[in-house]
Amino acid sequence: MPSKVMTRLKFSTGAVALRVSRFTWGAGAAALGPSYTSADLLGASSLVFRTGIVALGGTAKYARETIGGARVDAWAGDAGLAIAIFDLMALGVSVQNIGGDFGPAAGGVHLPRRTRAGFTLNYVDPQGTLRLLTTVEGQWPVGGSAFVILGLESGVVTRSMGVLGRVGYVGHSGVTTASPFTAGGSLELGGGRLHLDYAYRADDALGARHRMGLRWMP
């Protein structure tokens, strides 16, 4: 009787960010597959410029996938705008995957274009002890149905140290194995300069996703 070999997929991510004066730069990458040489890859680098209450940003993106048995890649860009209203509210809009053509070998497949718009609202003064804010975002993917993303953050921060908890709901325009609900939290230490972040999301195909992050704000 022939043996059956199961291939185990690995999902890996990494990111880094740096802020200097009015500029914030970040870069990240993700890989999905049994090995790096055969994995689907996504890499992105973003730059944001802030002036007054307005922030303008752009992202350059590279993707590599296997489509129809062929290894293909594509380049794309994102553009976004955010407006802050004091410390209480922020509005934002962005367009993702401008370009992103995988070429003739992919049969005309493109990275999915989508438009996002949303806002964040603080219900209490974020400079005080208590924290409570919500985030609402709508997404309009090309060729798919619009959906909404909701988030809630609450916690206590005193003397620049504290703990925050988060829950979220993620809608989808198509079938996915990932849970629509997420949870996480943060610890603020070192006088509010050091932030330890954690997020959890269940996924029937990839298993539970545990993400850890470390932020240092000089």
Protein backbone atom coordinates (compact mmCIF):
# COMPACT_ATOMS: atom_id res chain seq x y z
CA MET A 1 0.00 0.00 0.00
CA PRO A 2 1.58 3.30 -1.03
CA SER A 3 2.45 5.73 1.72
CA LYS A 4 0.85 9.14 1.88
CA VAL A 5 3.09 12.11 2.60
CA MET A 6 1.52 15.22 4.15
CA THR A 7 3.17 18.58 3.40
CA ARG A 8 3.07 20.96 6.35
CA LEU A 9 2.64 24.63 5.49
CA LYS A 10 4.52 27.26 7.45
CA PHE A 11 3.36 30.85 7.83
CA SER A 12 6.08 33.34 8.82
CA THR A 13 5.93 37.12 9.22
CA GLY A 14 8.28 39.91 10.28
CA ALA A 15 8.19 43.70 10.40
CA VAL A 16 10.19 46.74 11.51
CA ALA A 17 9.36 50.46 11.79
CA LEU A 18 11.28 53.67 12.50
CA ARG A 19 10.13 57.26 13.08
CA VAL A 20 12.41 60.24 12.48
CA SER A 21 11.01 63.75 12.80
CA ARG A 22 7.96 64.01 10.49
CA PHE A 23 8.71 60.76 8.67
CA THR A 24 7.77 57.20 9.62
CA TRP A 25 9.21 54.26 7.66
CA GLY A 26 8.22 50.63 7.95
CA ALA A 27 8.86 47.34 6.16
CA GLY A 28 7.44 43.85 6.51
CA ALA A 29 7.36 40.46 4.85
CA ALA A 30 5.25 37.28 4.98
CA ALA A 31 5.85 33.77 3.59
CA LEU A 32 3.45 30.83 3.26
CA GLY A 33 4.69 27.42 2.16
CA PRO A 34 6.75 24.35 3.10
CA SER A 35 10.04 26.14 2.34
CA TYR A 36 11.28 29.59 1.32
CA THR A 37 12.09 28.58 -2.27
CA SER A 38 8.56 27.32 -2.91
CA ALA A 39 6.63 29.67 -0.59
CA ASP A 40 4.26 32.43 -1.63
CA LEU A 41 5.88 35.71 -0.60
CA LEU A 42 4.67 39.22 0.17
CA GLY A 43 6.97 42.13 1.00
CA ALA A 44 6.10 45.78 1.57
CA SER A 45 7.85 49.03 2.46
CA SER A 46 5.91 52.13 3.56
CA LEU A 47 6.75 55.79 4.13
CA VAL A 48 4.47 58.27 5.92
CA PHE A 49 4.91 62.06 6.10
CA ARG A 50 3.09 64.00 8.84
CA THR A 51 2.40 67.72 8.85
CA GLY A 52 -0.04 69.33 11.25
CA ILE A 53 -3.18 67.19 11.44
CA VAL A 54 -2.60 65.47 8.07
CA ALA A 55 -0.56 62.38 7.25
CA LEU A 56 0.23 61.17 3.71
CA GLY A 57 1.58 57.70 3.03
CA GLY A 58 2.65 55.39 0.24
CA THR A 59 3.68 51.74 0.02
CA ALA A 60 5.71 49.74 -2.50
CA LYS A 61 4.78 46.05 -2.55
CA TYR A 62 6.17 42.84 -4.09
CA ALA A 63 4.28 39.53 -4.30
CA ARG A 64 5.29 36.06 -5.55
CA GLU A 65 2.76 33.26 -6.01
CA THR A 66 2.16 29.99 -7.81
CA ILE A 67 -0.78 30.38 -10.20
CA GLY A 68 -1.76 27.60 -12.59
CA GLY A 69 1.49 25.78 -11.86
CA ALA A 70 3.62 28.81 -12.84
CA ARG A 71 5.74 30.92 -10.50
CA VAL A 72 4.77 34.53 -11.11
CA ASP A 73 5.41 37.84 -9.37
CA ALA A 74 4.04 41.36 -9.37
CA TRP A 75 4.75 44.88 -8.10
CA ALA A 76 2.06 47.17 -6.72
CA GLY A 77 1.58 50.32 -4.67
CA ASP A 78 -0.75 51.72 -2.02
CA ALA A 79 -1.65 55.34 -1.24
CA GLY A 80 -3.35 56.72 1.86
CA LEU A 81 -4.44 59.88 3.70
CA ALA A 82 -5.28 60.38 7.40
CA ILE A 83 -6.64 63.43 9.24
CA ALA A 84 -6.43 63.71 13.04
CA ILE A 85 -8.98 65.75 14.99
CA PHE A 86 -7.21 66.66 18.24
CA ASP A 87 -6.51 63.46 20.26
CA LEU A 88 -10.08 62.23 20.06
CA MET A 89 -10.71 61.18 16.48
CA ALA A 90 -8.93 60.31 13.24
CA LEU A 91 -10.28 59.74 9.74
CA GLY A 92 -8.48 57.77 7.04
CA VAL A 93 -8.82 56.52 3.47
CA SER A 94 -6.54 54.41 1.28
CA VAL A 95 -6.38 52.58 -2.05
CA GLN A 96 -4.49 49.27 -2.12
CA ASN A 97 -2.73 47.36 -4.89
CA ILE A 98 -2.47 49.97 -7.60
CA GLY A 99 -0.93 47.95 -10.43
CA GLY A 100 -0.12 44.42 -9.31
CA ASP A 101 -0.29 42.59 -12.66
CA PHE A 102 1.16 39.05 -12.45
CA GLY A 103 1.69 38.97 -16.21
CA PRO A 104 0.52 36.73 -19.10
CA ALA A 105 1.63 33.49 -17.40
CA ALA A 106 -0.97 34.12 -14.67
CA GLY A 107 -3.84 34.52 -17.14
CA GLY A 108 -4.50 38.17 -16.34
CA VAL A 109 -4.60 37.75 -12.54
CA HIS A 110 -3.93 40.91 -10.51
CA LEU A 111 -3.38 41.62 -6.85
CA PRO A 112 -6.85 42.47 -5.50
CA ARG A 113 -7.56 46.20 -5.67
CA ARG A 114 -9.54 47.58 -2.75
CA THR A 115 -10.51 50.90 -1.17
CA ARG A 116 -10.61 51.43 2.60
CA ALA A 117 -12.21 54.19 4.68
CA GLY A 118 -12.63 54.38 8.43
CA PHE A 119 -12.29 56.31 11.65
CA THR A 120 -11.03 55.89 15.23
CA LEU A 121 -12.85 57.55 18.14
CA ASN A 122 -11.64 58.04 21.72
CA TYR A 123 -14.46 58.20 24.27
CA VAL A 124 -12.18 59.44 27.07
CA ASP A 125 -9.07 61.61 27.09
CA PRO A 126 -6.23 59.31 25.88
CA GLN A 127 -3.81 61.28 28.08
CA GLY A 128 -5.73 60.23 31.21
CA THR A 129 -5.83 57.02 33.25
CA LEU A 130 -8.69 55.23 31.49
CA ARG A 131 -8.58 54.26 27.82
CA LEU A 132 -11.58 53.46 25.63
CA LEU A 133 -11.68 53.73 21.85
CA THR A 134 -13.37 52.09 18.90
CA THR A 135 -12.32 51.69 15.28
CA VAL A 136 -14.70 51.22 12.34
CA GLU A 137 -13.46 50.52 8.81
CA GLY A 138 -15.26 49.75 5.58
CA GLN A 139 -13.58 47.93 2.69
CA TRP A 140 -14.67 47.82 -0.95
CA PRO A 141 -12.74 45.15 -2.91
CA VAL A 142 -12.94 45.17 -6.70
CA GLY A 143 -15.08 42.23 -7.80
CA GLY A 144 -16.28 41.48 -4.26
CA SER A 145 -18.84 42.59 -1.71
CA ALA A 146 -18.18 45.42 0.72
CA PHE A 147 -17.61 44.47 4.37
CA VAL A 148 -16.81 46.07 7.72
CA ILE A 149 -14.07 45.71 10.36
CA LEU A 150 -14.77 46.65 14.00
CA GLY A 151 -12.35 47.07 16.90
CA LEU A 152 -12.54 47.95 20.60
CA GLU A 153 -9.64 48.85 22.91
CA SER A 154 -9.91 49.50 26.65
CA GLY A 155 -7.58 49.56 29.62
CA VAL A 156 -5.86 51.51 32.36
CA VAL A 157 -2.60 53.45 32.12
CA THR A 158 -1.20 55.23 35.19
CA ARG A 159 2.21 56.83 35.65
CA SER A 160 2.97 55.86 32.04
CA MET A 161 2.52 52.15 32.83
CA GLY A 162 -0.54 50.03 32.19
CA VAL A 163 -2.38 47.25 30.40
CA LEU A 164 -4.71 47.39 27.40
CA GLY A 165 -7.08 44.75 25.98
CA ARG A 166 -8.46 44.53 22.44
CA VAL A 167 -11.17 42.60 20.61
CA GLY A 168 -12.07 42.81 16.94
CA TYR A 169 -14.41 41.54 14.27
CA VAL A 170 -13.18 41.11 10.68
CA GLY A 171 -15.70 40.74 7.87
CA HIS A 172 -14.82 39.11 4.55
CA SER A 173 -16.04 39.41 0.98
CA GLY A 174 -15.22 35.75 0.24
CA VAL A 175 -14.80 32.36 1.89
CA THR A 176 -11.95 32.13 4.39
CA THR A 177 -10.76 29.66 7.01
CA ALA A 178 -9.76 32.39 9.47
CA SER A 179 -12.01 33.23 12.41
CA PRO A 180 -13.87 36.56 12.11
CA PHE A 181 -12.95 37.37 15.73
CA THR A 182 -9.57 38.43 17.09
CA ALA A 183 -8.25 39.28 20.56
CA GLY A 184 -5.10 40.76 22.01
CA GLY A 185 -3.54 43.25 24.36
CA SER A 186 -0.56 45.43 25.23
CA LEU A 187 1.66 46.14 28.22
CA GLU A 188 3.07 49.66 28.53
CA LEU A 189 6.32 49.70 30.49
CA GLY A 190 9.39 51.84 30.96
CA GLY A 191 7.54 55.10 31.47
CA GLY A 192 5.31 54.45 28.49
CA ARG A 193 8.22 54.09 26.07
CA LEU A 194 8.23 50.28 25.84
CA HIS A 195 5.16 48.48 24.48
CA LEU A 196 4.70 44.70 24.37
CA ASP A 197 1.89 43.68 21.99
CA TYR A 198 0.10 40.36 21.52
CA ALA A 199 -2.66 39.25 19.11
CA TYR A 200 -4.50 35.96 18.61
CA ARG A 201 -6.64 34.66 15.74
CA ALA A 202 -7.87 31.13 15.06
CA ASP A 203 -7.54 29.66 11.54
CA ASP A 204 -8.85 26.24 10.51
CA ALA A 205 -6.22 25.88 7.76
CA LEU A 206 -3.15 27.43 9.38
CA GLY A 207 -3.98 26.82 13.02
CA ALA A 208 -3.98 29.44 15.76
CA ARG A 209 -2.03 32.61 14.95
CA HIS A 210 -0.11 34.08 17.87
CA ARG A 211 1.64 37.36 17.08
CA MET A 212 4.04 39.21 19.37
CA GLY A 213 5.39 42.70 18.89
CA LEU A 214 7.81 45.06 20.61
CA ARG A 215 7.69 48.86 20.26
CA TRP A 216 10.15 51.39 21.66
CA MET A 217 9.25 55.09 21.56
CA PRO A 218 12.22 57.32 22.53
